[in-house]
Amino acid sequence: MTVLRGVVLRSASLLATWIGAIALLLALLVTAPGDPIDLIPNGEELREQLEADWGLDRPVPARFALYLKRMATLDLGTSIAYRPGQPVVEVIRGPALGTMARVLGALTLAMVWGTALAWASSGALDRRLSATARRAVQAMSILPVFLIAHGTVTMLNEATYSMMEAGTIDRPSWFALPDEPSTLRSTLAIVALAVGSGALMEVHAQIEEAIRRIRSSPYVEAARARGAPIWPHIVRNLVPPFAATFAERAAFIAGSVVIIEKVLLLNGLGSVLWESALQRDYDLALAIALIAAAFVSAVALSADVVRLVADPRLRATA
């Protein structure tokens, strides 16, 4: 019942967050200069008719209420600028799959890599070795996501072009990275999201602190005194902090994917959101924001459930 009550309260909080996020994005889109009619060559002649057809002549609160009503029936609307006349669901179906694969890949890589490094550094007998490992992770993770992606693409293109000119290699299928779709670009996006802007450093620091705390706990000391293996105790008690860190990184990576997809020219929800915001495609931008919020909220809710199930102390506190 404690877990169920926690899920219900968390779900209500997440629903309020979704509504607030949609209201904020709509307010930003409406108050920004221009509208989709400005992009049409003869838009001023058709403005009155288009405003009525697209609902732009209604007050913002009325538009917000209408969108919430449509959202309740899973009607995401129709694109009016990015893909005029095409249902939003059809517009985002393909890009959503690519973005989801990149986000989940980056999340998995960051958590696995950071946890492995934390396990090694937290158990290092030599403090200097542990500090060196920590500094190496910080140096690797300090650069911003977009800078890692742009720098890697530039270096790969320059090196490949030099080898092509020298006759060392033939033109690879992925060259040049900024101009043609390739699996390599998606791989670069996953690595940059998992490492850049402090992502790997944060995972490493949080998991390392959790492992150190568990290693020094009384039940681990008791197991060590009995000569029993301590790693099962560490793994079992590492589940709650691991889940909390996973949820935190999900929000960060979901936000960073907009930048990385623009830098690498990847066809995903991030790049579509960018273009829909520029073109004031309200339904499309709001739908992508809703999907992103739902993804982050679902991960956060799942993490809370895992933590409540895995740690009886959290259930007692709740």
Protein backbone atom coordinates (compact mmCIF):
# COMPACT_ATOMS: atom_id res chain seq x y z
CA MET A 1 0.00 0.00 0.00
CA THR A 2 2.92 2.34 0.71
CA VAL A 3 4.31 1.74 -2.78
CA LEU A 4 0.85 2.19 -4.34
CA ARG A 5 0.24 5.41 -2.43
CA GLY A 6 3.66 6.70 -3.46
CA VAL A 7 2.96 5.89 -7.11
CA VAL A 8 -0.40 7.67 -7.05
CA LEU A 9 1.05 10.81 -5.44
CA ARG A 10 4.01 10.80 -7.79
CA SER A 11 1.72 10.36 -10.81
CA ALA A 12 -0.40 13.34 -9.76
CA SER A 13 2.75 15.44 -9.36
CA LEU A 14 3.99 14.39 -12.79
CA LEU A 15 0.64 15.24 -14.39
CA ALA A 16 0.85 18.72 -12.91
CA THR A 17 4.39 19.00 -14.26
CA TRP A 18 3.23 18.05 -17.77
CA ILE A 19 0.50 20.67 -17.70
CA GLY A 20 2.93 23.30 -16.46
CA ALA A 21 5.51 22.43 -19.12
CA ILE A 22 2.91 22.68 -21.90
CA ALA A 23 1.65 26.02 -20.55
CA LEU A 24 5.20 27.42 -20.40
CA LEU A 25 6.11 26.29 -23.91
CA LEU A 26 2.87 27.63 -25.37
CA ALA A 27 3.46 30.97 -23.66
CA LEU A 28 7.00 31.14 -25.07
CA LEU A 29 5.84 30.30 -28.59
CA VAL A 30 2.99 32.79 -28.52
CA THR A 31 5.01 35.67 -27.09
CA ALA A 32 7.94 35.17 -29.49
CA PRO A 33 7.90 37.50 -32.53
CA GLY A 34 6.12 36.22 -35.62
CA ASP A 35 3.73 33.37 -36.33
CA PRO A 36 3.39 30.62 -38.97
CA ILE A 37 1.35 32.91 -41.23
CA ASP A 38 4.38 35.19 -41.64
CA LEU A 39 6.20 32.34 -43.40
CA ILE A 40 3.58 32.11 -46.16
CA PRO A 41 4.30 34.32 -49.20
CA ASN A 42 0.74 35.68 -49.39
CA GLY A 43 0.07 35.17 -45.70
CA GLU A 44 -1.23 38.68 -45.01
CA GLU A 45 -3.96 38.28 -47.60
CA LEU A 46 -5.07 35.01 -46.01
CA ARG A 47 -4.37 35.94 -42.39
CA GLU A 48 -7.98 36.26 -41.23
CA GLN A 49 -9.00 32.95 -42.74
CA LEU A 50 -5.88 31.07 -41.55
CA GLU A 51 -6.17 32.43 -38.03
CA ALA A 52 -9.72 31.13 -37.87
CA ASP A 53 -8.78 27.75 -39.39
CA TRP A 54 -5.77 27.26 -37.11
CA GLY A 55 -7.41 28.69 -33.99
CA LEU A 56 -4.86 31.51 -33.72
CA ASP A 57 -7.61 34.08 -33.24
CA ARG A 58 -8.59 32.60 -29.86
CA PRO A 59 -7.19 33.87 -26.56
CA VAL A 60 -4.16 31.96 -25.27
CA PRO A 61 -6.03 30.46 -22.26
CA ALA A 62 -8.72 29.14 -24.61
CA ARG A 63 -6.08 27.61 -26.87
CA PHE A 64 -4.39 26.05 -23.87
CA ALA A 65 -7.66 24.57 -22.60
CA LEU A 66 -8.46 23.20 -26.07
CA TYR A 67 -5.05 21.56 -26.31
CA LEU A 68 -5.46 19.92 -22.90
CA LYS A 69 -8.86 18.60 -23.98
CA ARG A 70 -7.38 17.15 -27.17
CA MET A 71 -4.45 15.73 -25.23
CA ALA A 72 -6.87 13.85 -22.98
CA THR A 73 -8.21 12.07 -26.09
CA LEU A 74 -4.66 11.42 -27.41
CA ASP A 75 -5.25 13.82 -30.31
CA LEU A 76 -1.89 15.54 -30.93
CA GLY A 77 -3.21 17.74 -33.73
CA THR A 78 -1.97 18.56 -37.23
CA SER A 79 1.25 20.19 -38.39
CA ILE A 80 0.62 23.66 -39.84
CA ALA A 81 4.14 24.70 -40.90
CA TYR A 82 6.74 21.92 -40.65
CA ARG A 83 4.66 19.38 -42.63
CA PRO A 84 1.45 21.29 -43.45
CA GLY A 85 -1.68 19.18 -43.18
CA GLN A 86 0.09 16.06 -41.91
CA PRO A 87 -1.00 14.58 -38.56
CA VAL A 88 1.56 15.20 -35.84
CA VAL A 89 1.66 11.50 -34.97
CA GLU A 90 2.87 10.67 -38.48
CA VAL A 91 5.45 13.46 -38.42
CA ILE A 92 7.09 12.35 -35.17
CA ARG A 93 6.77 8.56 -35.48
CA GLY A 94 10.03 8.01 -37.38
CA PRO A 95 12.18 10.63 -35.62
CA ALA A 96 10.93 9.43 -32.22
CA LEU A 97 12.37 5.94 -32.75
CA GLY A 98 15.81 7.31 -33.60
CA THR A 99 15.83 9.73 -30.68
CA MET A 100 14.65 7.09 -28.23
CA ALA A 101 17.43 4.73 -29.36
CA ARG A 102 20.05 7.46 -28.90
CA VAL A 103 18.75 8.54 -25.48
CA LEU A 104 18.50 5.00 -24.11
CA GLY A 105 21.90 4.13 -25.59
CA ALA A 106 23.50 7.18 -23.98
CA LEU A 107 21.80 6.46 -20.64
CA THR A 108 22.99 2.86 -20.65
CA LEU A 109 26.54 3.79 -21.64
CA ALA A 110 26.81 6.55 -19.02
CA MET A 111 25.50 4.35 -16.22
CA VAL A 112 27.54 1.26 -17.09
CA TRP A 113 30.74 3.20 -17.73
CA GLY A 114 30.34 5.46 -14.70
CA THR A 115 29.47 2.56 -12.38
CA ALA A 116 32.45 0.48 -13.56
CA LEU A 117 34.81 3.41 -12.97
CA ALA A 118 33.23 4.12 -9.57
CA TRP A 119 33.58 0.48 -8.51
CA ALA A 120 37.25 0.52 -9.46
CA SER A 121 38.10 3.88 -7.88
CA SER A 122 36.14 3.30 -4.67
CA GLY A 123 37.98 0.05 -4.03
CA ALA A 124 41.44 1.36 -4.88
CA LEU A 125 43.85 0.81 -1.99
CA ASP A 126 46.11 3.62 -3.14
CA ARG A 127 44.46 7.01 -2.54
CA ARG A 128 46.65 8.58 -5.21
CA LEU A 129 45.45 6.03 -7.75
CA SER A 130 41.84 6.78 -6.82
CA ALA A 131 42.40 10.54 -7.14
CA THR A 132 44.11 10.05 -10.52
CA ALA A 133 41.17 8.02 -11.81
CA ARG A 134 38.76 10.71 -10.61
CA ARG A 135 40.71 13.47 -12.36
CA ALA A 136 40.83 11.41 -15.56
CA VAL A 137 37.04 11.06 -15.52
CA GLN A 138 36.62 14.79 -14.88
CA ALA A 139 38.97 15.70 -17.76
CA MET A 140 37.11 13.35 -20.09
CA SER A 141 33.70 14.71 -19.12
CA ILE A 142 34.32 18.44 -18.72
CA LEU A 143 33.71 19.47 -22.36
CA PRO A 144 30.16 20.44 -23.43
CA VAL A 145 28.16 17.93 -25.45
CA PHE A 146 28.00 20.08 -28.59
CA LEU A 147 31.76 20.78 -28.48
CA ILE A 148 32.60 17.07 -28.21
CA ALA A 149 30.33 16.27 -31.16
CA HIS A 150 31.53 19.13 -33.36
CA GLY A 151 35.20 18.57 -32.56
CA THR A 152 35.00 14.82 -33.20
CA VAL A 153 33.21 15.31 -36.51
CA THR A 154 35.73 17.91 -37.65
CA MET A 155 38.76 15.81 -36.71
CA LEU A 156 37.35 12.68 -38.35
CA ASN A 157 36.51 14.53 -41.55
CA GLU A 158 39.88 16.26 -41.75
CA ALA A 159 41.84 13.07 -41.05
CA THR A 160 39.78 11.04 -43.51
CA TYR A 161 40.05 13.69 -46.23
CA SER A 162 43.84 13.83 -45.79
CA MET A 163 44.12 10.04 -46.14
CA MET A 164 41.86 10.12 -49.20
CA GLU A 165 44.02 12.77 -50.86
CA ALA A 166 47.14 10.75 -50.10
CA GLY A 167 45.55 7.68 -51.68
CA THR A 168 45.74 5.70 -48.45
CA ILE A 169 42.05 4.88 -48.36
CA ASP A 170 39.01 5.08 -50.62
CA ARG A 171 36.10 7.33 -49.75
CA PRO A 172 34.25 5.73 -46.79
CA SER A 173 30.47 5.39 -46.98
CA TRP A 174 30.01 7.71 -44.00
CA PHE A 175 32.09 10.60 -45.36
CA ALA A 176 31.41 13.47 -44.95
CA LEU A 177 29.80 13.26 -41.55
CA PRO A 178 27.89 16.56 -41.58
CA ASP A 179 26.25 15.87 -44.94
CA GLU A 180 25.16 12.26 -45.07
CA PRO A 181 23.21 10.00 -42.69
CA SER A 182 25.32 7.29 -41.07
CA THR A 183 25.41 4.92 -38.13
CA LEU A 184 28.68 6.53 -37.09
CA ARG A 185 26.95 9.86 -36.46
CA SER A 186 24.41 8.18 -34.19
CA THR A 187 27.23 6.43 -32.34
CA LEU A 188 29.02 9.75 -31.88
CA ALA A 189 25.79 11.25 -30.53
CA ILE A 190 25.41 8.45 -27.98
CA VAL A 191 29.01 8.77 -26.77
CA ALA A 192 28.84 12.57 -26.57
CA LEU A 193 25.56 12.48 -24.61
CA ALA A 194 26.93 9.84 -22.23
CA VAL A 195 30.21 11.65 -21.56
CA GLY A 196 29.88 15.39 -22.25
CA SER A 197 28.79 18.28 -20.06
CA GLY A 198 29.79 16.44 -16.90
CA ALA A 199 27.46 13.48 -17.50
CA LEU A 200 30.04 10.75 -16.89
CA MET A 201 31.62 12.75 -14.07
CA GLU A 202 28.29 13.08 -12.24
CA VAL A 203 27.45 9.38 -12.58
CA HIS A 204 30.92 8.41 -11.41
CA ALA A 205 30.83 10.75 -8.40
CA GLN A 206 27.34 9.77 -7.24
CA ILE A 207 27.83 6.02 -7.62
CA GLU A 208 31.30 6.16 -6.06
CA GLU A 209 29.93 8.00 -3.03
CA ALA A 210 27.15 5.40 -2.69
CA ILE A 211 29.62 2.51 -2.92
CA ARG A 212 31.93 4.08 -0.32
CA ARG A 213 28.98 4.63 2.03
CA ILE A 214 27.83 1.03 1.62
CA ARG A 215 31.36 -0.37 2.09
CA SER A 216 31.65 1.41 5.45
CA SER A 217 28.19 0.34 6.68
CA PRO A 218 27.83 -1.96 9.74
CA TYR A 219 26.28 -4.86 7.81
CA VAL A 220 29.18 -4.91 5.32
CA GLU A 221 31.68 -4.73 8.18
CA ALA A 222 29.89 -7.66 9.82
CA ALA A 223 30.01 -9.67 6.58
CA ARG A 224 33.71 -8.87 6.23
CA ALA A 225 34.37 -9.99 9.80
CA ARG A 226 32.65 -13.31 9.09
CA GLY A 227 34.77 -13.79 6.00
CA ALA A 228 31.68 -13.69 3.78
CA PRO A 229 31.76 -12.02 0.35
CA ILE A 230 30.69 -8.37 0.58
CA TRP A 231 29.87 -7.72 -3.07
CA PRO A 232 26.28 -9.12 -2.83
CA HIS A 233 25.55 -6.61 -0.05
CA ILE A 234 27.03 -3.77 -2.10
CA VAL A 235 25.13 -4.67 -5.27
CA ARG A 236 21.80 -5.09 -3.48
CA ASN A 237 22.09 -1.79 -1.60
CA LEU A 238 23.39 0.03 -4.67
CA VAL A 239 20.07 -0.41 -6.48
CA PRO A 240 18.27 2.64 -4.94
CA PRO A 241 21.07 5.20 -5.60
CA PHE A 242 21.62 3.69 -9.05
CA ALA A 243 17.93 4.15 -9.89
CA ALA A 244 17.96 7.74 -8.61
CA THR A 245 21.04 8.60 -10.69
CA PHE A 246 19.52 6.93 -13.76
CA ALA A 247 16.39 9.08 -13.47
CA GLU A 248 18.45 12.26 -13.03
CA ARG A 249 20.59 11.50 -16.10
CA ALA A 250 17.46 10.76 -18.17
CA ALA A 251 16.27 14.35 -17.74
CA PHE A 252 19.68 15.74 -18.67
CA ILE A 253 20.12 13.59 -21.77
CA ALA A 254 16.57 14.22 -22.98
CA GLY A 255 17.30 17.96 -22.91
CA SER A 256 20.75 17.66 -24.49
CA VAL A 257 19.51 15.59 -27.42
CA VAL A 258 18.11 18.76 -29.07
CA ILE A 259 21.61 20.23 -29.28
CA ILE A 260 23.36 17.04 -30.35
CA GLU A 261 20.87 16.29 -33.13
CA LYS A 262 21.25 19.81 -34.53
CA VAL A 263 25.05 19.65 -34.43
CA LEU A 264 25.20 16.24 -36.11
CA LEU A 265 22.21 16.87 -38.40
CA LEU A 266 20.39 13.81 -37.14
CA ASN A 267 16.72 13.33 -37.92
CA GLY A 268 15.18 13.05 -34.48
CA LEU A 269 12.68 14.66 -32.16
CA GLY A 270 15.28 17.19 -31.03
CA SER A 271 15.90 18.57 -34.50
CA VAL A 272 12.18 18.48 -35.30
CA LEU A 273 11.43 20.42 -32.11
CA TRP A 274 14.02 23.02 -33.09
CA GLU A 275 12.47 23.51 -36.53
CA SER A 276 8.88 23.45 -35.28
CA ALA A 277 9.70 26.16 -32.73
CA LEU A 278 11.33 28.33 -35.42
CA GLN A 279 8.31 27.89 -37.69
CA ARG A 280 5.77 28.33 -34.85
CA ASP A 281 4.25 24.93 -35.52
CA TYR A 282 2.41 24.95 -32.20
CA ASP A 283 0.83 21.49 -32.18
CA LEU A 284 4.04 19.80 -33.29
CA ALA A 285 6.25 21.61 -30.75
CA LEU A 286 3.81 20.96 -27.91
CA ALA A 287 3.50 17.28 -28.84
CA ILE A 288 7.28 16.77 -28.76
CA ALA A 289 7.53 18.60 -25.44
CA LEU A 290 4.75 16.39 -24.09
CA ILE A 291 6.54 13.22 -25.25
CA ALA A 292 9.82 14.37 -23.70
CA ALA A 293 8.09 15.20 -20.41
CA ALA A 294 6.28 11.86 -20.44
CA PHE A 295 9.55 9.98 -21.02
CA VAL A 296 11.39 11.76 -18.21
CA SER A 297 8.39 11.37 -15.90
CA ALA A 298 8.04 7.67 -16.68
CA VAL A 299 11.72 7.09 -15.90
CA ALA A 300 11.43 9.08 -12.67
CA LEU A 301 8.29 7.18 -11.63
CA SER A 302 9.93 3.82 -12.42
CA ALA A 303 13.01 4.82 -10.44
CA ASP A 304 10.84 5.75 -7.43
CA VAL A 305 9.06 2.39 -7.57
CA VAL A 306 12.38 0.52 -7.79
CA ARG A 307 13.77 2.47 -4.83
CA LEU A 308 10.66 1.85 -2.70
CA VAL A 309 10.66 -1.86 -3.50
CA ALA A 310 14.42 -2.30 -3.01
CA ASP A 311 14.82 -0.28 0.20
CA PRO A 312 12.45 -1.00 3.12
CA ARG A 313 13.77 2.11 4.89
CA LEU A 314 12.30 4.33 2.18
CA ARG A 315 8.91 2.63 2.58
CA ALA A 316 9.05 3.28 6.32
CA THR A 317 9.87 6.93 5.69
CA ALA A 318 7.07 7.24 3.14
